[in-house]
């Protein structure tokens, strides 16, 4: 599969997320008894590549209140990306403007491998979720354009309401905000792919955001950590295919700088 290089990439952020099982306690509390020890050991293993540490707001709360929520962020430099986030039961890798797939995949594989090495009982680390998540955006003046019509014209995706809703003229047919999502089963990799469109902002300007998320859980997970690389490759192949099929036409030309 060959695609053109995009000079004006619409990427807002690429994320690779890993979640692992926590111990169930009374009253629905979940804990990771090895988290604090693993956190220090993990940072020792990644600090040469991600020397800048930031404490995130969730670190102010007890771990039992913010499980599967990142508490610490490690950057390649001050205010720079890529970055790694970690919290009780969760590890994620993030990239923005400088995103290149080969480097991003390498960093994600390296982070998971170092998590297993840092975890005091790595053999007991039971991964529950693998997720590859892309957020893209295109600026559109929603005070002038109808988001639903823009979606139809540019993304070949139709979301319609009965036109009779707006016949009396009391309600504008142009939505003030918009959010739509659908999830589909897929088998390479095994799991689901979700597409989500919504209105929002990019660079402080109105925009239409679209997210593409591939996720595997439970019996759909591959053997880890050894099969994480192949899983990432399959997930990326699928998201890239959907991305270029959605933008085929005017948007691809715009992003390519034509």
C-alpha atoms as a PDB file:
ATOM      1  CA  UNK A   1       0.000   0.000   0.000  1.00  0.00           C
ATOM      2  CA  UNK A   2       1.590   3.263  -1.188  1.00  0.00           C
ATOM      3  CA  UNK A   3       0.411   6.712  -0.138  1.00  0.00           C
ATOM      4  CA  UNK A   4       1.697  10.159  -0.911  1.00  0.00           C
ATOM      5  CA  UNK A   5       3.688  12.138   1.619  1.00  0.00           C
ATOM      6  CA  UNK A   6       1.529  14.752   3.321  1.00  0.00           C
ATOM      7  CA  UNK A   7       3.267  18.092   3.703  1.00  0.00           C
ATOM      8  CA  UNK A   8       0.449  19.485   5.869  1.00  0.00           C
ATOM      9  CA  UNK A   9      -0.340  16.544   8.125  1.00  0.00           C
ATOM     10  CA  UNK A  10      -3.666  16.858   9.970  1.00  0.00           C
ATOM     11  CA  UNK A  11      -2.360  14.838  12.904  1.00  0.00           C
ATOM     12  CA  UNK A  12      -3.111  16.221  16.358  1.00  0.00           C
ATOM     13  CA  UNK A  13      -1.739  13.271  18.310  1.00  0.00           C
ATOM     14  CA  UNK A  14      -0.813   9.602  17.989  1.00  0.00           C
ATOM     15  CA  UNK A  15      -1.192   7.413  21.076  1.00  0.00           C
ATOM     16  CA  UNK A  16      -0.310   3.810  21.843  1.00  0.00           C
ATOM     17  CA  UNK A  17      -1.920   2.701  25.106  1.00  0.00           C
ATOM     18  CA  UNK A  18      -1.476  -0.405  27.240  1.00  0.00           C
ATOM     19  CA  UNK A  19      -3.601  -1.304  30.260  1.00  0.00           C
ATOM     20  CA  UNK A  20      -3.031  -4.157  32.660  1.00  0.00           C
ATOM     21  CA  UNK A  21      -5.174  -5.936  35.236  1.00  0.00           C
ATOM     22  CA  UNK A  22      -5.352  -4.662  38.819  1.00  0.00           C
ATOM     23  CA  UNK A  23      -6.251  -6.504  41.999  1.00  0.00           C
ATOM     24  CA  UNK A  24      -9.891  -6.261  43.056  1.00  0.00           C
ATOM     25  CA  UNK A  25     -10.504  -5.134  46.638  1.00  0.00           C
ATOM     26  CA  UNK A  26     -13.726  -4.730  48.668  1.00  0.00           C
ATOM     27  CA  UNK A  27     -16.079  -1.856  47.739  1.00  0.00           C
ATOM     28  CA  UNK A  28     -14.942  -2.054  44.118  1.00  0.00           C
ATOM     29  CA  UNK A  29     -11.456  -0.693  44.842  1.00  0.00           C
ATOM     30  CA  UNK A  30      -8.688  -1.685  42.430  1.00  0.00           C
ATOM     31  CA  UNK A  31      -5.017  -1.632  43.330  1.00  0.00           C
ATOM     32  CA  UNK A  32      -1.631  -2.434  41.860  1.00  0.00           C
ATOM     33  CA  UNK A  33       0.593  -3.474  44.791  1.00  0.00           C
ATOM     34  CA  UNK A  34       3.712  -3.252  42.622  1.00  0.00           C
ATOM     35  CA  UNK A  35       3.012   0.113  41.008  1.00  0.00           C
ATOM     36  CA  UNK A  36       5.269   2.341  43.119  1.00  0.00           C
ATOM     37  CA  UNK A  37       8.180  -0.045  42.870  1.00  0.00           C
ATOM     38  CA  UNK A  38       7.630  -0.536  39.126  1.00  0.00           C
ATOM     39  CA  UNK A  39       7.400   3.241  38.595  1.00  0.00           C
ATOM     40  CA  UNK A  40      10.906   3.861  39.929  1.00  0.00           C
ATOM     41  CA  UNK A  41      12.385   0.881  38.106  1.00  0.00           C
ATOM     42  CA  UNK A  42      10.652   1.899  34.868  1.00  0.00           C
ATOM     43  CA  UNK A  43      11.989   5.448  35.025  1.00  0.00           C
ATOM     44  CA  UNK A  44      15.519   4.108  35.528  1.00  0.00           C
ATOM     45  CA  UNK A  45      15.105   2.240  32.261  1.00  0.00           C
ATOM     46  CA  UNK A  46      13.685   5.112  30.181  1.00  0.00           C
ATOM     47  CA  UNK A  47      15.387   8.192  31.657  1.00  0.00           C
ATOM     48  CA  UNK A  48      18.179   8.231  29.059  1.00  0.00           C
ATOM     49  CA  UNK A  49      15.580   8.682  26.301  1.00  0.00           C
ATOM     50  CA  UNK A  50      13.003  10.659  28.335  1.00  0.00           C
ATOM     51  CA  UNK A  51      14.947  12.726  30.885  1.00  0.00           C
ATOM     52  CA  UNK A  52      12.240  15.347  31.587  1.00  0.00           C
ATOM     53  CA  UNK A  53       9.733  14.317  34.274  1.00  0.00           C
ATOM     54  CA  UNK A  54       6.370  15.996  34.944  1.00  0.00           C
ATOM     55  CA  UNK A  55       3.945  15.140  37.724  1.00  0.00           C
ATOM     56  CA  UNK A  56       0.388  15.057  36.380  1.00  0.00           C
ATOM     57  CA  UNK A  57      -2.699  16.270  38.314  1.00  0.00           C
ATOM     58  CA  UNK A  58      -3.872  12.696  39.020  1.00  0.00           C
ATOM     59  CA  UNK A  59      -0.755  12.151  41.164  1.00  0.00           C
ATOM     60  CA  UNK A  60      -2.424  14.244  43.902  1.00  0.00           C
ATOM     61  CA  UNK A  61      -5.022  11.530  44.480  1.00  0.00           C
ATOM     62  CA  UNK A  62      -4.706   8.065  46.022  1.00  0.00           C
ATOM     63  CA  UNK A  63      -3.907   5.395  43.457  1.00  0.00           C
ATOM     64  CA  UNK A  64      -7.141   3.571  44.267  1.00  0.00           C
ATOM     65  CA  UNK A  65      -9.096   6.617  43.050  1.00  0.00           C
ATOM     66  CA  UNK A  66      -7.250   7.099  39.751  1.00  0.00           C
ATOM     67  CA  UNK A  67      -6.461   3.606  38.514  1.00  0.00           C
ATOM     68  CA  UNK A  68      -5.944   3.424  34.746  1.00  0.00           C
ATOM     69  CA  UNK A  69      -5.151   7.152  34.869  1.00  0.00           C
ATOM     70  CA  UNK A  70      -1.680   8.551  34.116  1.00  0.00           C
ATOM     71  CA  UNK A  71       0.131  10.201  37.042  1.00  0.00           C
ATOM     72  CA  UNK A  72       3.579  10.827  35.555  1.00  0.00           C
ATOM     73  CA  UNK A  73       4.865  12.026  32.197  1.00  0.00           C
ATOM     74  CA  UNK A  74       8.370  11.626  30.795  1.00  0.00           C
ATOM     75  CA  UNK A  75       9.479  13.748  27.812  1.00  0.00           C
ATOM     76  CA  UNK A  76      12.470  13.698  25.479  1.00  0.00           C
ATOM     77  CA  UNK A  77      13.075  17.345  26.401  1.00  0.00           C
ATOM     78  CA  UNK A  78      11.431  20.291  28.110  1.00  0.00           C
ATOM     79  CA  UNK A  79       7.984  20.779  26.576  1.00  0.00           C
ATOM     80  CA  UNK A  80       8.836  18.394  23.736  1.00  0.00           C
ATOM     81  CA  UNK A  81       7.345  15.244  22.256  1.00  0.00           C
ATOM     82  CA  UNK A  82       7.402  12.256  22.118  1.00  0.00           C
ATOM     83  CA  UNK A  83       6.475  11.437  25.684  1.00  0.00           C
ATOM     84  CA  UNK A  84       5.494   8.499  27.874  1.00  0.00           C
ATOM     85  CA  UNK A  85       2.767   8.552  30.508  1.00  0.00           C
ATOM     86  CA  UNK A  86       2.336   6.003  33.281  1.00  0.00           C
ATOM     87  CA  UNK A  87      -0.088   5.414  36.129  1.00  0.00           C
ATOM     88  CA  UNK A  88      -1.629   2.505  38.060  1.00  0.00           C
ATOM     89  CA  UNK A  89      -2.492  -0.046  35.394  1.00  0.00           C
ATOM     90  CA  UNK A  90      -1.726   2.167  32.387  1.00  0.00           C
ATOM     91  CA  UNK A  91       1.179   3.063  30.100  1.00  0.00           C
ATOM     92  CA  UNK A  92       0.907   5.224  26.970  1.00  0.00           C
ATOM     93  CA  UNK A  93       3.240   6.624  24.336  1.00  0.00           C
ATOM     94  CA  UNK A  94       2.424   9.972  22.679  1.00  0.00           C
ATOM     95  CA  UNK A  95       3.710  11.816  19.618  1.00  0.00           C
ATOM     96  CA  UNK A  96       2.585  14.989  17.839  1.00  0.00           C
ATOM     97  CA  UNK A  97       4.199  17.174  15.174  1.00  0.00           C
ATOM     98  CA  UNK A  98       7.310  15.070  14.629  1.00  0.00           C
ATOM     99  CA  UNK A  99       5.404  11.791  14.282  1.00  0.00           C
ATOM    100  CA  UNK A 100       6.999   9.158  12.059  1.00  0.00           C
ATOM    101  CA  UNK A 101       5.548   5.657  12.222  1.00  0.00           C
ATOM    102  CA  UNK A 102       8.805   3.674  12.385  1.00  0.00           C
ATOM    103  CA  UNK A 103      10.142   5.724  15.303  1.00  0.00           C
ATOM    104  CA  UNK A 104       6.781   5.733  17.087  1.00  0.00           C
ATOM    105  CA  UNK A 105       6.408   1.944  16.819  1.00  0.00           C
ATOM    106  CA  UNK A 106       9.962   1.426  18.049  1.00  0.00           C
ATOM    107  CA  UNK A 107       9.320   3.596  21.092  1.00  0.00           C
ATOM    108  CA  UNK A 108       6.066   1.810  21.888  1.00  0.00           C
ATOM    109  CA  UNK A 109       7.673  -1.637  21.694  1.00  0.00           C
ATOM    110  CA  UNK A 110      10.606  -0.476  23.804  1.00  0.00           C
ATOM    111  CA  UNK A 111       8.272   0.995  26.458  1.00  0.00           C
ATOM    112  CA  UNK A 112       6.266  -2.215  26.822  1.00  0.00           C
ATOM    113  CA  UNK A 113       9.394  -4.336  27.018  1.00  0.00           C
ATOM    114  CA  UNK A 114      10.826  -2.075  29.740  1.00  0.00           C
ATOM    115  CA  UNK A 115       7.536  -2.181  31.637  1.00  0.00           C
ATOM    116  CA  UNK A 116       7.747  -5.977  31.808  1.00  0.00           C
ATOM    117  CA  UNK A 117      11.396  -5.727  32.894  1.00  0.00           C
ATOM    118  CA  UNK A 118      10.593  -3.133  35.553  1.00  0.00           C
ATOM    119  CA  UNK A 119       7.573  -4.904  37.008  1.00  0.00           C
ATOM    120  CA  UNK A 120       8.714  -6.836  40.119  1.00  0.00           C
ATOM    121  CA  UNK A 121       6.804  -9.934  39.007  1.00  0.00           C
ATOM    122  CA  UNK A 122       6.748  -9.519  35.243  1.00  0.00           C
ATOM    123  CA  UNK A 123       5.301 -12.983  34.734  1.00  0.00           C
ATOM    124  CA  UNK A 124       2.197 -11.833  36.649  1.00  0.00           C
ATOM    125  CA  UNK A 125       1.713  -8.682  34.574  1.00  0.00           C
ATOM    126  CA  UNK A 126      -1.555  -9.418  32.764  1.00  0.00           C
ATOM    127  CA  UNK A 127      -2.266  -7.011  29.912  1.00  0.00           C
ATOM    128  CA  UNK A 128      -5.986  -6.308  29.422  1.00  0.00           C
ATOM    129  CA  UNK A 129      -6.089  -3.689  26.649  1.00  0.00           C
ATOM    130  CA  UNK A 130      -3.974  -2.708  23.640  1.00  0.00           C
ATOM    131  CA  UNK A 131      -5.022   0.466  21.854  1.00  0.00           C
ATOM    132  CA  UNK A 132      -3.666   2.499  18.923  1.00  0.00           C
ATOM    133  CA  UNK A 133      -5.381   5.878  18.743  1.00  0.00           C
ATOM    134  CA  UNK A 134      -5.000   8.664  16.165  1.00  0.00           C
ATOM    135  CA  UNK A 135      -6.553  12.126  16.488  1.00  0.00           C
ATOM    136  CA  UNK A 136      -6.643  14.230  13.324  1.00  0.00           C
ATOM    137  CA  UNK A 137      -8.298  17.576  12.589  1.00  0.00           C
ATOM    138  CA  UNK A 138      -9.133  19.917   9.746  1.00  0.00           C
ATOM    139  CA  UNK A 139     -10.016  23.544  10.375  1.00  0.00           C
ATOM    140  CA  UNK A 140     -13.489  24.567   9.234  1.00  0.00           C
ATOM    141  CA  UNK A 141     -15.435  27.732  10.006  1.00  0.00           C
ATOM    142  CA  UNK A 142     -18.544  26.275  11.645  1.00  0.00           C
ATOM    143  CA  UNK A 143     -20.177  29.708  11.786  1.00  0.00           C
ATOM    144  CA  UNK A 144     -20.332  29.571   7.994  1.00  0.00           C
ATOM    145  CA  UNK A 145     -20.318  25.884   7.120  1.00  0.00           C
ATOM    146  CA  UNK A 146     -22.608  23.046   8.146  1.00  0.00           C
ATOM    147  CA  UNK A 147     -20.518  20.325   9.829  1.00  0.00           C
ATOM    148  CA  UNK A 148     -22.814  17.599   8.496  1.00  0.00           C
ATOM    149  CA  UNK A 149     -22.508  18.888   4.919  1.00  0.00           C
ATOM    150  CA  UNK A 150     -18.733  19.233   5.307  1.00  0.00           C
ATOM    151  CA  UNK A 151     -18.588  15.622   6.502  1.00  0.00           C
ATOM    152  CA  UNK A 152     -20.563  14.515   3.446  1.00  0.00           C
ATOM    153  CA  UNK A 153     -18.577  16.578   0.940  1.00  0.00           C
ATOM    154  CA  UNK A 154     -15.072  15.975   2.270  1.00  0.00           C
ATOM    155  CA  UNK A 155     -15.229  12.601   4.048  1.00  0.00           C
ATOM    156  CA  UNK A 156     -17.903  10.877   1.958  1.00  0.00           C
ATOM    157  CA  UNK A 157     -19.778  10.181   5.208  1.00  0.00           C
ATOM    158  CA  UNK A 158     -23.473  10.973   5.525  1.00  0.00           C
ATOM    159  CA  UNK A 159     -25.271  11.719   8.789  1.00  0.00           C
ATOM    160  CA  UNK A 160     -28.761  13.124   8.202  1.00  0.00           C
ATOM    161  CA  UNK A 161     -31.738  14.272  10.241  1.00  0.00           C
ATOM    162  CA  UNK A 162     -35.277  14.610   8.866  1.00  0.00           C
ATOM    163  CA  UNK A 163     -35.452  17.922   7.000  1.00  0.00           C
ATOM    164  CA  UNK A 164     -38.944  18.470   8.444  1.00  0.00           C
ATOM    165  CA  UNK A 165     -37.339  19.269  11.811  1.00  0.00           C
ATOM    166  CA  UNK A 166     -36.223  22.622  10.453  1.00  0.00           C
ATOM    167  CA  UNK A 167     -39.099  23.635   8.196  1.00  0.00           C
ATOM    168  CA  UNK A 168     -40.627  26.147  10.610  1.00  0.00           C
ATOM    169  CA  UNK A 169     -37.373  28.130  10.649  1.00  0.00           C
ATOM    170  CA  UNK A 170     -37.132  28.280  14.434  1.00  0.00           C
ATOM    171  CA  UNK A 171     -34.192  25.855  14.601  1.00  0.00           C
ATOM    172  CA  UNK A 172     -31.033  26.279  12.567  1.00  0.00           C
ATOM    173  CA  UNK A 173     -30.189  23.302  10.356  1.00  0.00           C
ATOM    174  CA  UNK A 174     -26.506  23.956  10.982  1.00  0.00           C
ATOM    175  CA  UNK A 175     -25.437  22.114  14.178  1.00  0.00           C
ATOM    176  CA  UNK A 176     -23.678  24.212  16.793  1.00  0.00           C
ATOM    177  CA  UNK A 177     -21.687  21.152  17.822  1.00  0.00           C
ATOM    178  CA  UNK A 178     -21.554  17.604  16.572  1.00  0.00           C
ATOM    179  CA  UNK A 179     -20.355  14.147  17.677  1.00  0.00           C
ATOM    180  CA  UNK A 180     -20.786  10.788  15.948  1.00  0.00           C
ATOM    181  CA  UNK A 181     -19.094   7.448  16.460  1.00  0.00           C
ATOM    182  CA  UNK A 182     -19.314   3.852  15.252  1.00  0.00           C
ATOM    183  CA  UNK A 183     -17.412   0.708  16.242  1.00  0.00           C
ATOM    184  CA  UNK A 184     -16.750  -2.321  14.024  1.00  0.00           C
ATOM    185  CA  UNK A 185     -15.323  -5.765  14.648  1.00  0.00           C
ATOM    186  CA  UNK A 186     -12.202  -6.658  12.697  1.00  0.00           C
ATOM    187  CA  UNK A 187      -9.816  -9.606  12.511  1.00  0.00           C
ATOM    188  CA  UNK A 188      -6.413  -8.180  11.581  1.00  0.00           C
ATOM    189  CA  UNK A 189      -5.597  -7.531  14.328  1.00  0.00           C
ATOM    190  CA  UNK A 190      -8.459  -9.180  16.164  1.00  0.00           C
ATOM    191  CA  UNK A 191     -10.539  -6.621  18.016  1.00  0.00           C
ATOM    192  CA  UNK A 192     -12.434  -3.486  17.014  1.00  0.00           C
ATOM    193  CA  UNK A 193     -11.897  -0.306  15.052  1.00  0.00           C
ATOM    194  CA  UNK A 194     -13.756   2.846  16.086  1.00  0.00           C
ATOM    195  CA  UNK A 195     -14.243   5.991  14.034  1.00  0.00           C
ATOM    196  CA  UNK A 196     -15.363   9.173  15.781  1.00  0.00           C
ATOM    197  CA  UNK A 197     -16.163  12.587  14.274  1.00  0.00           C
ATOM    198  CA  UNK A 198     -16.763  15.674  16.429  1.00  0.00           C
ATOM    199  CA  UNK A 199     -16.499  19.425  16.369  1.00  0.00           C
ATOM    200  CA  UNK A 200     -13.710  21.023  18.371  1.00  0.00           C
ATOM    201  CA  UNK A 201     -10.666  23.217  17.926  1.00  0.00           C
ATOM    202  CA  UNK A 202      -7.215  23.018  16.436  1.00  0.00           C
ATOM    203  CA  UNK A 203      -4.708  25.794  17.093  1.00  0.00           C
ATOM    204  CA  UNK A 204      -7.525  27.764  18.780  1.00  0.00           C
ATOM    205  CA  UNK A 205      -9.607  27.701  15.583  1.00  0.00           C
ATOM    206  CA  UNK A 206     -12.863  25.787  14.951  1.00  0.00           C
ATOM    207  CA  UNK A 207     -12.222  22.352  13.490  1.00  0.00           C
ATOM    208  CA  UNK A 208     -13.717  18.999  12.663  1.00  0.00           C
ATOM    209  CA  UNK A 209     -11.860  16.273  14.542  1.00  0.00           C
ATOM    210  CA  UNK A 210     -11.786  12.642  13.567  1.00  0.00           C
ATOM    211  CA  UNK A 211     -10.368   9.820  15.632  1.00  0.00           C
ATOM    212  CA  UNK A 212      -9.415   6.314  14.545  1.00  0.00           C
ATOM    213  CA  UNK A 213      -8.980   3.752  17.309  1.00  0.00           C
ATOM    214  CA  UNK A 214      -7.940   0.102  17.048  1.00  0.00           C
ATOM    215  CA  UNK A 215      -8.356  -1.891  20.246  1.00  0.00           C
ATOM    216  CA  UNK A 216      -7.825  -5.497  21.322  1.00  0.00           C
ATOM    217  CA  UNK A 217      -8.956  -6.928  24.652  1.00  0.00           C
ATOM    218  CA  UNK A 218      -9.408 -10.289  26.359  1.00  0.00           C
ATOM    219  CA  UNK A 219      -9.166 -13.301  24.055  1.00  0.00           C
ATOM    220  CA  UNK A 220      -8.228 -11.055  21.120  1.00  0.00           C
ATOM    221  CA  UNK A 221      -4.905 -10.075  22.683  1.00  0.00           C
ATOM    222  CA  UNK A 222      -1.688 -11.526  21.222  1.00  0.00           C
ATOM    223  CA  UNK A 223       1.077 -13.084  23.314  1.00  0.00           C
ATOM    224  CA  UNK A 224       2.885 -10.262  25.102  1.00  0.00           C
ATOM    225  CA  UNK A 225       5.372  -8.691  25.079  1.00  0.00           C
ATOM    226  CA  UNK A 226       6.821 -10.681  22.166  1.00  0.00           C
ATOM    227  CA  UNK A 227       3.899 -10.172  19.742  1.00  0.00           C
ATOM    228  CA  UNK A 228       3.334  -6.479  20.434  1.00  0.00           C
ATOM    229  CA  UNK A 229       5.334  -5.393  17.380  1.00  0.00           C
ATOM    230  CA  UNK A 230       3.245  -7.438  14.912  1.00  0.00           C
ATOM    231  CA  UNK A 231       0.062  -6.204  16.618  1.00  0.00           C
ATOM    232  CA  UNK A 232       1.160  -2.585  16.185  1.00  0.00           C
ATOM    233  CA  UNK A 233       1.987  -3.182  12.523  1.00  0.00           C
ATOM    234  CA  UNK A 234      -1.438  -4.666  11.789  1.00  0.00           C
ATOM    235  CA  UNK A 235      -3.239  -1.932  13.731  1.00  0.00           C
ATOM    236  CA  UNK A 236      -1.293   0.781  11.921  1.00  0.00           C
ATOM    237  CA  UNK A 237      -1.924  -0.771   8.507  1.00  0.00           C
ATOM    238  CA  UNK A 238      -5.657  -0.710   9.201  1.00  0.00           C
ATOM    239  CA  UNK A 239      -5.754   2.861  10.543  1.00  0.00           C
ATOM    240  CA  UNK A 240      -3.641   4.155   7.655  1.00  0.00           C
ATOM    241  CA  UNK A 241      -5.897   2.464   5.111  1.00  0.00           C
ATOM    242  CA  UNK A 242      -9.015   4.029   6.659  1.00  0.00           C
ATOM    243  CA  UNK A 243      -7.327   7.432   6.934  1.00  0.00           C
ATOM    244  CA  UNK A 244      -6.487   7.656   3.237  1.00  0.00           C
ATOM    245  CA  UNK A 245      -9.865   6.304   2.164  1.00  0.00           C
ATOM    246  CA  UNK A 246     -11.594   9.002   4.208  1.00  0.00           C
ATOM    247  CA  UNK A 247      -9.480  11.873   2.843  1.00  0.00           C
ATOM    248  CA  UNK A 248      -9.374  10.683  -0.774  1.00  0.00           C
ATOM    249  CA  UNK A 249      -9.977  13.676  -3.020  1.00  0.00           C
ATOM    250  CA  UNK A 250      -9.942  17.314  -1.925  1.00  0.00           C
ATOM    251  CA  UNK A 251      -8.618  16.730   1.578  1.00  0.00           C
ATOM    252  CA  UNK A 252      -5.671  14.613   0.423  1.00  0.00           C
ATOM    253  CA  UNK A 253      -4.703  17.346  -2.027  1.00  0.00           C
ATOM    254  CA  UNK A 254      -4.996  19.948   0.729  1.00  0.00           C
ATOM    255  CA  UNK A 255      -2.879  17.931   3.152  1.00  0.00           C
ATOM    256  CA  UNK A 256      -0.330  17.190   0.433  1.00  0.00           C
ATOM    257  CA  UNK A 257       0.107  20.952  -0.100  1.00  0.00           C
ATOM    258  CA  UNK A 258      -1.242  21.081  -3.647  1.00  0.00           C
END
